[in-house]
Protein backbone atom coordinates (compact mmCIF):
# COMPACT_ATOMS: atom_id res chain seq x y z
CA UNK A 1 0.00 0.00 0.00
CA UNK A 2 1.34 3.41 -0.98
CA UNK A 3 1.18 6.31 1.41
CA UNK A 4 -0.78 9.34 0.12
CA UNK A 5 0.84 12.55 -1.05
CA UNK A 6 -0.13 15.37 1.28
CA UNK A 7 0.38 19.11 1.15
CA UNK A 8 1.89 21.10 3.99
CA UNK A 9 -1.55 22.57 4.69
CA UNK A 10 -3.06 19.07 5.09
CA UNK A 11 -0.26 17.95 7.42
CA UNK A 12 -0.68 21.10 9.51
CA UNK A 13 -4.44 20.48 9.83
CA UNK A 14 -3.96 16.81 10.75
CA UNK A 15 -1.35 17.56 13.41
CA UNK A 16 -3.54 20.32 14.86
CA UNK A 17 -6.41 17.82 15.19
CA UNK A 18 -3.99 15.49 17.03
CA UNK A 19 -3.24 18.17 19.63
CA UNK A 20 -0.07 19.78 18.26
CA UNK A 21 0.35 23.54 18.26
CA UNK A 22 2.54 25.59 15.95
CA UNK A 23 5.45 27.11 17.85
CA UNK A 24 7.71 28.39 15.06
CA UNK A 25 7.73 28.95 11.32
CA UNK A 26 10.76 30.08 9.34
CA UNK A 27 10.99 29.94 5.59
CA UNK A 28 9.22 26.80 4.43
CA UNK A 29 9.54 24.80 7.67
CA UNK A 30 7.00 24.55 10.49
CA UNK A 31 7.78 23.40 14.03
CA UNK A 32 4.91 21.98 16.06
CA UNK A 33 4.88 20.80 19.67
CA UNK A 34 2.53 18.56 21.64
CA UNK A 35 1.69 19.05 25.31
CA UNK A 36 3.50 15.78 26.17
CA UNK A 37 6.78 17.13 24.75
CA UNK A 38 6.85 15.65 21.24
CA UNK A 39 8.18 18.02 18.56
CA UNK A 40 7.70 17.71 14.80
CA UNK A 41 9.38 19.80 12.09
CA UNK A 42 8.14 19.44 8.52
CA UNK A 43 8.41 21.37 5.25
CA UNK A 44 5.38 23.49 4.34
CA UNK A 45 5.38 22.71 0.61
CA UNK A 46 2.69 21.97 -1.99
CA UNK A 47 3.68 18.29 -1.87
CA UNK A 48 5.52 16.56 0.95
CA UNK A 49 7.43 13.38 0.19
CA UNK A 50 5.53 10.25 1.21
CA UNK A 51 8.26 9.07 3.59
CA UNK A 52 8.97 12.35 5.40
PDB file of N, CA and C in Angstrom:
ATOM      1  N   UNK A   1       0.832  -1.178   0.000  1.00  0.00           N
ATOM      2  CA  UNK A   1       0.000   0.000   0.000  1.00  0.00           C
ATOM      3  C   UNK A   1       0.881   1.247   0.000  1.00  0.00           C
ATOM      4  N   UNK A   2       0.588   2.159  -0.906  1.00  0.00           N
ATOM      5  CA  UNK A   2       1.342   3.408  -0.977  1.00  0.00           C
ATOM      6  C   UNK A   2       0.753   4.425  -0.008  1.00  0.00           C
ATOM      7  N   UNK A   3       1.629   5.226   0.566  1.00  0.00           N
ATOM      8  CA  UNK A   3       1.184   6.314   1.410  1.00  0.00           C
ATOM      9  C   UNK A   3       0.702   7.463   0.524  1.00  0.00           C
ATOM     10  N   UNK A   4      -0.278   8.242   0.959  1.00  0.00           N
ATOM     11  CA  UNK A   4      -0.783   9.338   0.118  1.00  0.00           C
ATOM     12  C   UNK A   4       0.171  10.528   0.101  1.00  0.00           C
ATOM     13  N   UNK A   5       0.115  11.287  -0.983  1.00  0.00           N
ATOM     14  CA  UNK A   5       0.837  12.552  -1.049  1.00  0.00           C
ATOM     15  C   UNK A   5      -0.005  13.598  -0.344  1.00  0.00           C
ATOM     16  N   UNK A   6       0.588  14.335   0.548  1.00  0.00           N
ATOM     17  CA  UNK A   6      -0.129  15.370   1.282  1.00  0.00           C
ATOM     18  C   UNK A   6       0.557  16.710   1.094  1.00  0.00           C
ATOM     19  N   UNK A   7      -0.210  17.773   1.205  1.00  0.00           N
ATOM     20  CA  UNK A   7       0.378  19.110   1.155  1.00  0.00           C
ATOM     21  C   UNK A   7       0.738  19.535   2.568  1.00  0.00           C
ATOM     22  N   UNK A   8       1.529  20.571   2.681  1.00  0.00           N
ATOM     23  CA  UNK A   8       1.887  21.097   3.990  1.00  0.00           C
ATOM     24  C   UNK A   8       0.666  21.552   4.763  1.00  0.00           C
ATOM     25  N   UNK A   9      -0.311  22.106   4.063  1.00  0.00           N
ATOM     26  CA  UNK A   9      -1.548  22.567   4.688  1.00  0.00           C
ATOM     27  C   UNK A   9      -2.318  21.394   5.292  1.00  0.00           C
ATOM     28  N   UNK A  10      -2.367  20.257   4.583  1.00  0.00           N
ATOM     29  CA  UNK A  10      -3.058  19.067   5.086  1.00  0.00           C
ATOM     30  C   UNK A  10      -2.353  18.479   6.306  1.00  0.00           C
ATOM     31  N   UNK A  11      -1.031  18.454   6.283  1.00  0.00           N
ATOM     32  CA  UNK A  11      -0.261  17.948   7.419  1.00  0.00           C
ATOM     33  C   UNK A  11      -0.475  18.845   8.634  1.00  0.00           C
ATOM     34  N   UNK A  12      -0.461  20.153   8.418  1.00  0.00           N
ATOM     35  CA  UNK A  12      -0.685  21.104   9.506  1.00  0.00           C
ATOM     36  C   UNK A  12      -2.064  20.883  10.135  1.00  0.00           C
ATOM     37  N   UNK A  13      -3.084  20.703   9.319  1.00  0.00           N
ATOM     38  CA  UNK A  13      -4.438  20.485   9.829  1.00  0.00           C
ATOM     39  C   UNK A  13      -4.533  19.168  10.599  1.00  0.00           C
ATOM     40  N   UNK A  14      -3.910  18.117  10.085  1.00  0.00           N
ATOM     41  CA  UNK A  14      -3.964  16.809  10.746  1.00  0.00           C
ATOM     42  C   UNK A  14      -3.258  16.851  12.100  1.00  0.00           C
ATOM     43  N   UNK A  15      -2.090  17.485  12.146  1.00  0.00           N
ATOM     44  CA  UNK A  15      -1.354  17.560  13.410  1.00  0.00           C
ATOM     45  C   UNK A  15      -2.082  18.433  14.431  1.00  0.00           C
ATOM     46  N   UNK A  16      -2.748  19.473  13.957  1.00  0.00           N
ATOM     47  CA  UNK A  16      -3.535  20.320  14.857  1.00  0.00           C
ATOM     48  C   UNK A  16      -4.679  19.513  15.476  1.00  0.00           C
ATOM     49  N   UNK A  17      -5.338  18.682  14.667  1.00  0.00           N
ATOM     50  CA  UNK A  17      -6.407  17.819  15.191  1.00  0.00           C
ATOM     51  C   UNK A  17      -5.875  16.823  16.213  1.00  0.00           C
ATOM     52  N   UNK A  18      -4.597  16.439  16.092  1.00  0.00           N
ATOM     53  CA  UNK A  18      -3.992  15.493  17.028  1.00  0.00           C
ATOM     54  C   UNK A  18      -3.467  16.160  18.292  1.00  0.00           C
ATOM     55  N   UNK A  19      -3.619  17.479  18.404  1.00  0.00           N
ATOM     56  CA  UNK A  19      -3.238  18.166  19.628  1.00  0.00           C
ATOM     57  C   UNK A  19      -1.924  18.913  19.571  1.00  0.00           C
ATOM     58  N   UNK A  20      -1.310  19.026  18.403  1.00  0.00           N
ATOM     59  CA  UNK A  20      -0.070  19.776  18.256  1.00  0.00           C
ATOM     60  C   UNK A  20      -0.392  21.251  18.049  1.00  0.00           C
ATOM     61  N   UNK A  21       0.494  22.110  18.504  1.00  0.00           N
ATOM     62  CA  UNK A  21       0.349  23.544  18.262  1.00  0.00           C
ATOM     63  C   UNK A  21       1.604  24.052  17.569  1.00  0.00           C
ATOM     64  N   UNK A  22       1.413  25.008  16.688  1.00  0.00           N
ATOM     65  CA  UNK A  22       2.542  25.588  15.953  1.00  0.00           C
ATOM     66  C   UNK A  22       3.317  26.505  16.879  1.00  0.00           C
ATOM     67  N   UNK A  23       4.629  26.289  16.976  1.00  0.00           N
ATOM     68  CA  UNK A  23       5.448  27.111  17.852  1.00  0.00           C
ATOM     69  C   UNK A  23       6.424  27.992  17.076  1.00  0.00           C
ATOM     70  N   UNK A  24       6.729  27.621  15.818  1.00  0.00           N
ATOM     71  CA  UNK A  24       7.706  28.392  15.057  1.00  0.00           C
ATOM     72  C   UNK A  24       7.533  28.102  13.576  1.00  0.00           C
ATOM     73  N   UNK A  25       7.748  29.130  12.768  1.00  0.00           N
ATOM     74  CA  UNK A  25       7.731  28.955  11.320  1.00  0.00           C
ATOM     75  C   UNK A  25       8.792  29.871  10.739  1.00  0.00           C
ATOM     76  N   UNK A  26       9.713  29.288   9.987  1.00  0.00           N
ATOM     77  CA  UNK A  26      10.760  30.079   9.343  1.00  0.00           C
ATOM     78  C   UNK A  26      10.968  29.532   7.944  1.00  0.00           C
ATOM     79  N   UNK A  27      10.852  30.396   6.964  1.00  0.00           N
ATOM     80  CA  UNK A  27      10.987  29.939   5.588  1.00  0.00           C
ATOM     81  C   UNK A  27       9.873  28.969   5.260  1.00  0.00           C
ATOM     82  N   UNK A  28      10.234  27.778   4.810  1.00  0.00           N
ATOM     83  CA  UNK A  28       9.222  26.802   4.431  1.00  0.00           C
ATOM     84  C   UNK A  28       9.106  25.674   5.445  1.00  0.00           C
ATOM     85  N   UNK A  29       9.612  25.862   6.666  1.00  0.00           N
ATOM     86  CA  UNK A  29       9.537  24.798   7.669  1.00  0.00           C
ATOM     87  C   UNK A  29       8.690  25.239   8.858  1.00  0.00           C
ATOM     88  N   UNK A  30       7.892  24.302   9.360  1.00  0.00           N
ATOM     89  CA  UNK A  30       6.998  24.553  10.488  1.00  0.00           C
ATOM     90  C   UNK A  30       7.415  23.635  11.629  1.00  0.00           C
ATOM     91  N   UNK A  31       7.478  24.195  12.841  1.00  0.00           N
ATOM     92  CA  UNK A  31       7.780  23.403  14.028  1.00  0.00           C
ATOM     93  C   UNK A  31       6.522  23.368  14.886  1.00  0.00           C
ATOM     94  N   UNK A  32       6.102  22.151  15.242  1.00  0.00           N
ATOM     95  CA  UNK A  32       4.911  21.984  16.063  1.00  0.00           C
ATOM     96  C   UNK A  32       5.269  21.172  17.300  1.00  0.00           C
ATOM     97  N   UNK A  33       4.589  21.481  18.410  1.00  0.00           N
ATOM     98  CA  UNK A  33       4.878  20.805  19.667  1.00  0.00           C
ATOM     99  C   UNK A  33       3.580  20.314  20.298  1.00  0.00           C
ATOM    100  N   UNK A  34       3.659  19.146  20.927  1.00  0.00           N
ATOM    101  CA  UNK A  34       2.528  18.564  21.639  1.00  0.00           C
ATOM    102  C   UNK A  34       2.711  18.811  23.122  1.00  0.00           C
ATOM    103  N   UNK A  35       1.633  18.795  23.870  1.00  0.00           N
ATOM    104  CA  UNK A  35       1.687  19.049  25.314  1.00  0.00           C
ATOM    105  C   UNK A  35       2.554  18.032  26.051  1.00  0.00           C
ATOM    106  N   UNK A  36       2.685  16.814  25.503  1.00  0.00           N
ATOM    107  CA  UNK A  36       3.496  15.785  26.168  1.00  0.00           C
ATOM    108  C   UNK A  36       4.980  15.891  25.827  1.00  0.00           C
ATOM    109  N   UNK A  37       5.373  16.898  25.025  1.00  0.00           N
ATOM    110  CA  UNK A  37       6.783  17.131  24.747  1.00  0.00           C
ATOM    111  C   UNK A  37       7.253  16.745  23.364  1.00  0.00           C
ATOM    112  N   UNK A  38       6.442  16.027  22.600  1.00  0.00           N
ATOM    113  CA  UNK A  38       6.847  15.654  21.242  1.00  0.00           C
ATOM    114  C   UNK A  38       6.948  16.891  20.363  1.00  0.00           C
ATOM    115  N   UNK A  39       7.963  16.908  19.486  1.00  0.00           N
ATOM    116  CA  UNK A  39       8.180  18.024  18.560  1.00  0.00           C
ATOM    117  C   UNK A  39       8.301  17.461  17.153  1.00  0.00           C
ATOM    118  N   UNK A  40       7.648  18.118  16.200  1.00  0.00           N
ATOM    119  CA  UNK A  40       7.702  17.709  14.798  1.00  0.00           C
ATOM    120  C   UNK A  40       8.072  18.926  13.965  1.00  0.00           C
ATOM    121  N   UNK A  41       9.016  18.755  13.049  1.00  0.00           N
ATOM    122  CA  UNK A  41       9.378  19.798  12.092  1.00  0.00           C
ATOM    123  C   UNK A  41       9.145  19.212  10.709  1.00  0.00           C
ATOM    124  N   UNK A  42       8.407  19.934   9.866  1.00  0.00           N
ATOM    125  CA  UNK A  42       8.141  19.440   8.517  1.00  0.00           C
ATOM    126  C   UNK A  42       8.142  20.604   7.537  1.00  0.00           C
ATOM    127  N   UNK A  43       8.409  20.318   6.258  1.00  0.00           N
ATOM    128  CA  UNK A  43       8.413  21.373   5.249  1.00  0.00           C
ATOM    129  C   UNK A  43       6.982  21.735   4.856  1.00  0.00           C
ATOM    130  N   UNK A  44       6.704  23.006   4.729  1.00  0.00           N
ATOM    131  CA  UNK A  44       5.379  23.486   4.341  1.00  0.00           C
ATOM    132  C   UNK A  44       5.396  23.733   2.836  1.00  0.00           C
ATOM    133  N   UNK A  45       5.329  22.652   2.065  1.00  0.00           N
ATOM    134  CA  UNK A  45       5.384  22.709   0.608  1.00  0.00           C
ATOM    135  C   UNK A  45       4.049  22.270   0.023  1.00  0.00           C
ATOM    136  N   UNK A  46       3.906  22.427  -1.308  1.00  0.00           N
ATOM    137  CA  UNK A  46       2.694  21.968  -1.990  1.00  0.00           C
ATOM    138  C   UNK A  46       2.565  20.455  -1.901  1.00  0.00           C
ATOM    139  N   UNK A  47       3.662  19.749  -2.017  1.00  0.00           N
ATOM    140  CA  UNK A  47       3.683  18.286  -1.868  1.00  0.00           C
ATOM    141  C   UNK A  47       4.814  17.914  -0.927  1.00  0.00           C
ATOM    142  N   UNK A  48       4.501  17.060   0.027  1.00  0.00           N
ATOM    143  CA  UNK A  48       5.517  16.559   0.954  1.00  0.00           C
ATOM    144  C   UNK A  48       5.796  15.116   0.583  1.00  0.00           C
ATOM    145  N   UNK A  49       7.053  14.738   0.542  1.00  0.00           N
ATOM    146  CA  UNK A  49       7.432  13.379   0.192  1.00  0.00           C
ATOM    147  C   UNK A  49       6.711  12.375   1.073  1.00  0.00           C
ATOM    148  N   UNK A  50       6.305  11.270   0.493  1.00  0.00           N
ATOM    149  CA  UNK A  50       5.530  10.247   1.214  1.00  0.00           C
ATOM    150  C   UNK A  50       6.220   9.749   2.484  1.00  0.00           C
ATOM    151  N   UNK A  51       7.525   9.713   2.490  1.00  0.00           N
ATOM    152  CA  UNK A  51       8.257   9.066   3.588  1.00  0.00           C
ATOM    153  C   UNK A  51       8.854  10.065   4.578  1.00  0.00           C
ATOM    154  N   UNK A  52       8.451  11.332   4.487  1.00  0.00           N
ATOM    155  CA  UNK A  52       8.970  12.353   5.402  1.00  0.00           C
ATOM    156  C   UNK A  52       8.401  12.178   6.783  1.00  0.00           C
TER     157      UNK A  52
END
